[in-house]
């Protein structure tokens, strides 16, 4: 499983790394910058003119070091600065000094973007909460209209790191390099639309740092889950692996119950049955002859099927017409495992399944 964090949690991981593990912030910044340069040059070994757009704070510090690293490789690069030059005592200030020592020209964002084939977005970081300020919105719009490849540092500027919502305006990146912990907003809501190819760099943070913070979410992978499935005997009988009954598919809504039945099959159920409206039977049999399909018009007919099922799925295409309200009475359900869905919930009133 992959750990997913909120922005404040990642900031706490960063703090623990610096204050408790003794790893300087500027070292983490340089590691982050190197990770971005590696991704950039992996994508475009000869990137042409590069514009690194920097705002303020540590995100800008990453950008300044990126620009310096590129310049030291002989790549044409400028920095487009939005806001003030950072204080020399801060990590971002030290990064700015490194950038200047490398001979990188510091320009306005507008001038830096001119004739650039590659743009590095280091404008705004995970601390963004409210709407993007007008001066940043203007630069973001210019980047999105510019014919170039865009790499976002940690996350695209304008994206909420926690919710994945766009906060007024947002860079649409071709690739994003995120650090230390994967942020929830990169994977939710608008995030996948603007992140592009997502790359992760742990910056060699000690594994013990992560013991202090419980992830907000853990993302499952197919590989993780497939290992948890029990190994089946080759001579196993279908009834050794459960009987799923799917109830639904009212008039004109057979597709939903068909897809639910197929999902049950693919999940490994030994036997899948469908209780459906008489008009849906033929289409279901034609689509999936291996599914046991039964027309149901009375509660007693449904109860007979329920008594043989291990798991019951109620709702796909059930609607609130005849199948849901007239045919399915309160007495139909016993103590079997039950899952219900969308329109089916409307049918589970006093005249339907749930009472």
Protein backbone atom coordinates (compact mmCIF):
# COMPACT_ATOMS: atom_id res chain seq x y z
CA UNK A 1 0.00 0.00 0.00
CA UNK A 2 1.07 3.56 -0.70
CA UNK A 3 0.83 6.15 2.08
CA UNK A 4 -0.99 9.38 1.23
CA UNK A 5 -0.71 12.50 3.40
CA UNK A 6 -2.31 15.86 4.00
CA UNK A 7 -0.15 18.95 3.55
CA UNK A 8 0.25 19.58 7.29
CA UNK A 9 1.36 16.00 7.79
CA UNK A 10 4.07 16.39 5.15
CA UNK A 11 5.21 19.62 6.77
CA UNK A 12 5.48 17.74 10.06
CA UNK A 13 7.51 15.00 8.35
CA UNK A 14 9.75 17.74 7.01
CA UNK A 15 10.11 19.28 10.48
CA UNK A 16 10.98 15.95 12.09
CA UNK A 17 13.59 15.30 9.42
CA UNK A 18 15.26 18.67 9.97
CA UNK A 19 14.91 19.20 13.72
CA UNK A 20 15.01 15.68 15.12
CA UNK A 21 17.11 13.85 12.54
CA UNK A 22 19.50 16.73 11.97
CA UNK A 23 19.26 16.85 8.18
CA UNK A 24 19.59 20.49 7.05
CA UNK A 25 16.66 21.97 5.18
CA UNK A 26 18.94 23.23 2.42
CA UNK A 27 20.13 19.64 1.87
CA UNK A 28 16.53 18.48 1.41
CA UNK A 29 15.97 21.41 -0.94
CA UNK A 30 18.95 20.43 -3.04
CA UNK A 31 17.78 16.80 -3.16
CA UNK A 32 14.34 17.95 -4.29
CA UNK A 33 15.86 20.14 -6.97
CA UNK A 34 18.07 17.31 -8.21
CA UNK A 35 15.06 15.00 -8.42
CA UNK A 36 13.29 17.57 -10.61
CA UNK A 37 16.33 18.02 -12.84
CA UNK A 38 16.61 14.26 -13.28
CA UNK A 39 12.96 14.03 -14.36
CA UNK A 40 13.28 17.06 -16.63
CA UNK A 41 16.37 15.78 -18.42
CA UNK A 42 14.92 12.29 -18.59
CA UNK A 43 11.98 13.78 -20.46
CA UNK A 44 14.03 16.19 -22.57
CA UNK A 45 17.82 15.62 -22.59
CA UNK A 46 18.14 18.78 -24.69
CA UNK A 47 15.27 20.87 -23.33
CA UNK A 48 16.04 24.11 -25.12
CA UNK A 49 15.48 27.32 -23.17
CA UNK A 50 14.10 26.67 -19.69
CA UNK A 51 12.10 29.15 -17.64
CA UNK A 52 11.96 28.49 -13.90
CA UNK A 53 9.11 30.44 -12.33
CA UNK A 54 9.60 31.14 -8.63
CA UNK A 55 7.29 32.61 -6.04
CA UNK A 56 8.30 32.68 -2.39
CA UNK A 57 9.08 30.17 0.33
CA UNK A 58 10.64 26.75 0.02
CA UNK A 59 8.95 25.97 -3.28
CA UNK A 60 10.79 28.92 -4.79
CA UNK A 61 13.99 27.69 -3.13
CA UNK A 62 13.64 24.40 -4.99
CA UNK A 63 13.20 26.40 -8.18
CA UNK A 64 16.30 28.53 -7.62
CA UNK A 65 18.46 25.43 -7.14
CA UNK A 66 16.90 23.77 -10.19
CA UNK A 67 17.89 26.80 -12.25
CA UNK A 68 21.43 26.72 -10.85
CA UNK A 69 21.84 23.01 -11.54
CA UNK A 70 20.65 23.44 -15.12
CA UNK A 71 22.95 26.41 -15.68
CA UNK A 72 25.93 24.42 -14.42
CA UNK A 73 25.09 21.80 -17.06
CA UNK A 74 25.30 24.44 -19.77
CA UNK A 75 21.54 24.62 -20.34
CA UNK A 76 20.03 27.99 -21.18
CA UNK A 77 17.86 28.94 -18.22
CA UNK A 78 16.32 32.04 -16.67
CA UNK A 79 14.30 32.60 -13.51
CA UNK A 80 10.99 34.41 -13.65
CA UNK A 81 10.52 35.89 -10.17
CA UNK A 82 7.07 36.74 -8.85
CA UNK A 83 7.36 38.66 -5.61
CA UNK A 84 10.35 39.65 -3.50
CA UNK A 85 13.87 38.27 -3.38
CA UNK A 86 14.05 35.95 -0.34
CA UNK A 87 16.12 36.82 2.70
CA UNK A 88 19.65 35.50 2.56
CA UNK A 89 19.35 33.85 5.98
CA UNK A 90 16.55 31.51 4.91
CA UNK A 91 16.97 28.28 2.98
CA UNK A 92 15.22 29.94 0.04
CA UNK A 93 17.64 32.86 0.34
CA UNK A 94 20.61 30.50 0.26
CA UNK A 95 19.12 28.80 -2.78
CA UNK A 96 18.72 32.19 -4.46
CA UNK A 97 22.39 32.92 -3.79
CA UNK A 98 23.39 29.60 -5.37
CA UNK A 99 21.28 30.44 -8.41
CA UNK A 100 22.93 33.83 -8.85
CA UNK A 101 26.42 32.35 -8.40
CA UNK A 102 25.61 29.96 -11.27
CA UNK A 103 25.04 33.00 -13.49
CA UNK A 104 21.29 32.59 -13.91
CA UNK A 105 19.54 35.75 -15.06
CA UNK A 106 16.64 36.83 -12.83
CA UNK A 107 13.78 38.33 -14.85
CA UNK A 108 10.09 39.01 -14.57
CA UNK A 109 7.91 36.00 -15.30
CA UNK A 110 6.76 37.54 -18.56
CA UNK A 111 10.29 38.03 -19.86
CA UNK A 112 11.47 34.65 -18.62
CA UNK A 113 8.68 32.85 -20.47
CA UNK A 114 9.59 34.34 -23.83
CA UNK A 115 10.90 31.68 -26.23
CA UNK A 116 11.00 29.06 -23.46
CA UNK A 117 10.42 25.47 -24.53
CA UNK A 118 10.31 24.10 -20.99
CA UNK A 119 8.79 25.70 -17.88
CA UNK A 120 9.42 24.70 -14.27
CA UNK A 121 6.58 25.73 -11.97
CA UNK A 122 7.94 26.63 -8.52
CA UNK A 123 5.43 29.40 -7.85
CA UNK A 124 3.18 28.12 -5.06
CA UNK A 125 3.47 25.21 -2.67
CA UNK A 126 1.40 23.18 -0.25
CA UNK A 127 0.66 26.15 2.00
CA UNK A 128 -1.85 27.65 -0.42
CA UNK A 129 -5.31 27.83 1.17
CA UNK A 130 -7.32 30.71 -0.31
CA UNK A 131 -7.75 31.80 -3.91
CA UNK A 132 -4.61 32.44 -5.95
CA UNK A 133 -3.67 36.12 -5.86
CA UNK A 134 -4.11 38.13 -9.10
CA UNK A 135 -0.39 38.47 -9.82
CA UNK A 136 -0.02 34.69 -9.71
CA UNK A 137 -3.22 34.08 -11.67
CA UNK A 138 -1.80 36.20 -14.47
CA UNK A 139 1.39 34.14 -14.64
CA UNK A 140 -0.52 30.85 -14.41
CA UNK A 141 -2.74 31.87 -17.32
CA UNK A 142 0.30 32.84 -19.37
CA UNK A 143 1.94 29.46 -18.75
CA UNK A 144 -1.20 27.53 -19.68
CA UNK A 145 -1.43 29.45 -22.95
CA UNK A 146 2.29 29.06 -23.69
CA UNK A 147 3.41 26.31 -26.08
CA UNK A 148 5.80 24.48 -23.77
CA UNK A 149 6.34 21.45 -21.57
CA UNK A 150 5.63 22.10 -17.89
CA UNK A 151 7.13 20.42 -14.83
CA UNK A 152 5.50 21.25 -11.49
CA UNK A 153 7.60 21.25 -8.33
CA UNK A 154 5.82 19.28 -5.56
CA UNK A 155 2.37 20.14 -6.95
CA UNK A 156 0.94 22.37 -9.69
CA UNK A 157 0.56 25.95 -8.46
CA UNK A 158 -3.05 26.70 -7.59
CA UNK A 159 -3.98 23.14 -6.61
CA UNK A 160 -5.10 22.51 -3.02
CA UNK A 161 -2.76 19.86 -1.64
CA UNK A 162 -5.49 18.40 0.58
CA UNK A 163 -8.66 18.46 -1.52
CA UNK A 164 -7.43 18.48 -5.11
CA UNK A 165 -9.60 21.53 -5.80
CA UNK A 166 -8.36 24.32 -8.06
CA UNK A 167 -8.13 27.52 -6.04
CA UNK A 168 -9.08 30.04 -8.71
CA UNK A 169 -6.38 29.19 -11.26
CA UNK A 170 -3.96 26.31 -11.64
CA UNK A 171 -0.94 25.32 -13.70
CA UNK A 172 -1.71 22.42 -16.03
CA UNK A 173 1.48 20.40 -15.80
CA UNK A 174 2.81 17.68 -18.06
CA UNK A 175 4.66 16.15 -15.11
CA UNK A 176 4.88 16.72 -11.37
CA UNK A 177 7.62 15.73 -8.95
CA UNK A 178 6.35 15.51 -5.37
CA UNK A 179 8.52 15.04 -2.30
CA UNK A 180 8.70 13.16 1.02
CA UNK A 181 5.00 12.22 1.06
CA UNK A 182 2.40 11.93 -1.67
CA UNK A 183 -0.28 14.58 -1.17
CA UNK A 184 -3.94 13.63 -1.22
CA UNK A 185 -4.86 16.49 -3.56
CA UNK A 186 -2.62 15.13 -6.30
CA UNK A 187 -4.88 12.09 -6.57
CA UNK A 188 -8.37 13.50 -5.97
CA UNK A 189 -10.88 15.85 -7.63
CA UNK A 190 -9.07 18.13 -10.13
CA UNK A 191 -5.63 16.80 -9.21
CA UNK A 192 -5.28 14.07 -11.85
CA UNK A 193 -6.34 16.54 -14.57
CA UNK A 194 -3.50 18.98 -13.85
CA UNK A 195 -0.71 16.85 -12.38
CA UNK A 196 0.32 15.04 -15.56
CA UNK A 197 2.80 12.21 -14.98
CA UNK A 198 3.28 11.94 -11.22
CA UNK A 199 6.80 11.26 -9.97
CA UNK A 200 7.75 10.72 -6.34
CA UNK A 201 11.07 11.41 -4.59
CA UNK A 202 11.51 10.46 -0.93
CA UNK A 203 14.66 12.64 -0.69
CA UNK A 204 16.32 9.82 1.29
CA UNK A 205 14.35 10.76 4.40
CA UNK A 206 14.98 8.09 7.08
CA UNK A 207 12.21 5.54 7.32
CA UNK A 208 11.87 6.15 11.06
CA UNK A 209 10.53 9.64 10.35
CA UNK A 210 7.35 8.17 8.94
CA UNK A 211 6.65 6.17 12.11
CA UNK A 212 5.53 9.37 13.84
CA UNK A 213 2.75 10.23 11.38
CA UNK A 214 -0.19 8.02 10.48
CA UNK A 215 -1.05 8.54 6.79
CA UNK A 216 -4.34 10.22 6.02
CA UNK A 217 -5.10 7.55 3.41
CA UNK A 218 -3.49 4.39 2.15
CA UNK A 219 -3.81 3.69 -1.55
CA UNK A 220 -4.34 0.07 -2.47
CA UNK A 221 -2.67 -1.49 -5.47
CA UNK A 222 -3.66 -4.54 -7.46
CA UNK A 223 -0.39 -6.21 -6.52
CA UNK A 224 -1.04 -5.65 -2.81
CA UNK A 225 -4.50 -7.12 -2.93
CA UNK A 226 -3.89 -10.08 -5.23
CA UNK A 227 -1.44 -11.52 -2.69
CA UNK A 228 -4.19 -11.57 -0.06
CA UNK A 229 -6.52 -13.76 -2.06
CA UNK A 230 -6.69 -17.38 -0.92
CA UNK A 231 -5.26 -20.01 -3.22
CA UNK A 232 -8.04 -22.14 -4.70
CA UNK A 233 -7.88 -25.88 -5.00
CA UNK A 234 -7.98 -27.03 -8.59
CA UNK A 235 -10.84 -29.38 -7.83
CA UNK A 236 -12.88 -26.80 -5.88
CA UNK A 237 -16.65 -26.71 -6.40
CA UNK A 238 -18.33 -23.43 -7.28
CA UNK A 239 -20.29 -23.44 -4.03
CA UNK A 240 -17.03 -23.39 -2.09
CA UNK A 241 -16.56 -19.78 -3.18
CA UNK A 242 -19.82 -18.08 -2.40
CA UNK A 243 -23.10 -17.34 -4.11
CA UNK A 244 -23.80 -13.69 -4.99
CA UNK A 245 -27.39 -12.68 -5.70
CA UNK A 246 -27.84 -9.36 -7.54
CA UNK A 247 -31.33 -7.86 -7.31
CA UNK A 248 -32.19 -5.19 -9.88
CA UNK A 249 -32.75 -4.47 -13.54
CA UNK A 250 -36.23 -3.01 -13.71
CA UNK A 251 -37.84 -2.27 -17.08
CA UNK A 252 -35.31 -0.58 -19.36
CA UNK A 253 -32.49 -0.76 -16.79
CA UNK A 254 -30.94 -4.17 -17.38
CA UNK A 255 -27.48 -2.76 -18.09
CA UNK A 256 -26.74 -1.82 -14.48
CA UNK A 257 -27.60 -5.22 -13.07
CA UNK A 258 -25.62 -6.92 -15.87
CA UNK A 259 -22.49 -4.94 -14.99
CA UNK A 260 -22.95 -5.67 -11.28
CA UNK A 261 -23.26 -9.39 -12.01
CA UNK A 262 -20.13 -9.29 -14.17
CA UNK A 263 -18.25 -7.49 -11.39
CA UNK A 264 -19.27 -10.25 -8.97
CA UNK A 265 -17.98 -12.85 -11.43
CA UNK A 266 -14.67 -11.08 -11.91
CA UNK A 267 -14.24 -10.72 -8.15
CA UNK A 268 -14.19 -14.50 -7.85
CA UNK A 269 -17.67 -15.48 -6.74
CA UNK A 270 -18.29 -19.16 -7.30
CA UNK A 271 -21.86 -18.60 -8.48
CA UNK A 272 -23.68 -15.43 -9.50
CA UNK A 273 -27.46 -15.15 -9.76
CA UNK A 274 -29.66 -12.26 -10.83
CA UNK A 275 -33.21 -11.59 -9.69
CA UNK A 276 -34.72 -9.20 -12.20
CA UNK A 277 -37.80 -7.95 -14.01
CA UNK A 278 -39.21 -10.43 -16.56
CA UNK A 279 -38.46 -8.02 -19.42
CA UNK A 280 -34.74 -7.99 -18.53
CA UNK A 281 -34.17 -11.74 -18.52
CA UNK A 282 -33.50 -12.34 -22.22
CA UNK A 283 -30.93 -9.57 -22.57
CA UNK A 284 -29.08 -10.74 -19.45
CA UNK A 285 -28.99 -14.36 -20.59
CA UNK A 286 -27.73 -13.30 -24.01
CA UNK A 287 -25.00 -11.17 -22.48
CA UNK A 288 -23.90 -13.54 -19.71
CA UNK A 289 -25.27 -17.08 -20.07
CA UNK A 290 -23.13 -18.26 -17.15
CA UNK A 291 -25.11 -16.03 -14.76
CA UNK A 292 -28.20 -17.71 -13.31
CA UNK A 293 -30.95 -15.26 -14.28
CA UNK A 294 -34.42 -15.48 -12.76
CA UNK A 295 -37.47 -13.30 -13.35
CA UNK A 296 -39.06 -12.14 -10.11
CA UNK A 297 -42.58 -10.80 -9.70
CA UNK A 298 -43.44 -11.59 -6.06
CA UNK A 299 -41.69 -11.41 -2.68
CA UNK A 300 -41.96 -15.17 -2.28
CA UNK A 301 -40.05 -15.75 -5.51
CA UNK A 302 -37.29 -13.44 -4.31
CA UNK A 303 -37.18 -14.99 -0.85
CA UNK A 304 -36.52 -18.42 -2.35
CA UNK A 305 -33.45 -17.03 -4.13
CA UNK A 306 -32.26 -15.10 -1.07
CA UNK A 307 -32.28 -18.24 1.04
CA UNK A 308 -29.62 -19.77 -1.22
CA UNK A 309 -27.34 -16.71 -1.42
CA UNK A 310 -24.20 -15.88 0.55
CA UNK A 311 -24.16 -12.19 -0.39
CA UNK A 312 -26.98 -10.04 -1.75
CA UNK A 313 -26.49 -6.90 -3.85
CA UNK A 314 -29.62 -4.75 -4.10
CA UNK A 315 -30.07 -1.71 -6.28
CA UNK A 316 -28.40 -1.69 -9.71
CA UNK A 317 -31.15 -0.60 -12.06
CA UNK A 318 -33.80 -1.37 -9.46
CA UNK A 319 -35.61 1.94 -9.74
CA UNK A 320 -38.79 2.75 -7.86
CA UNK A 321 -41.32 1.19 -10.18
CA UNK A 322 -42.88 -2.26 -10.22
CA UNK A 323 -39.82 -4.37 -9.42
CA UNK A 324 -38.80 -2.19 -6.52
CA UNK A 325 -42.13 -1.41 -4.87
CA UNK A 326 -44.63 -4.05 -5.86
CA UNK A 327 -42.56 -7.21 -6.09
CA UNK A 328 -40.15 -6.83 -3.18
CA UNK A 329 -41.77 -6.91 0.22
CA UNK A 330 -40.31 -6.23 3.66
CA UNK A 331 -40.32 -9.91 4.53
CA UNK A 332 -38.00 -10.85 1.64
CA UNK A 333 -34.69 -10.13 3.34
CA UNK A 334 -33.24 -12.33 6.03
CA UNK A 335 -29.87 -11.95 7.75
CA UNK A 336 -27.74 -12.32 4.63
CA UNK A 337 -24.96 -9.84 3.85
CA UNK A 338 -26.51 -6.94 1.95
CA UNK A 339 -25.19 -4.13 -0.20
CA UNK A 340 -27.54 -1.56 -1.73
CA UNK A 341 -26.96 1.10 -4.35
CA UNK A 342 -28.37 4.40 -5.62
CA UNK A 343 -31.86 4.00 -7.08
CA UNK A 344 -32.38 0.88 -5.06
CA UNK A 345 -32.39 2.98 -1.90
CA UNK A 346 -35.51 4.75 -3.13
CA UNK A 347 -37.22 1.37 -3.32
CA UNK A 348 -36.38 0.40 0.23
CA UNK A 349 -39.13 2.40 1.89
CA UNK A 350 -42.20 1.12 3.67
CA UNK A 351 -43.42 -0.56 0.50
CA UNK A 352 -40.03 -1.91 -0.55
CA UNK A 353 -37.13 -3.95 0.74
CA UNK A 354 -35.85 -2.08 3.75
CA UNK A 355 -39.08 -1.07 5.51
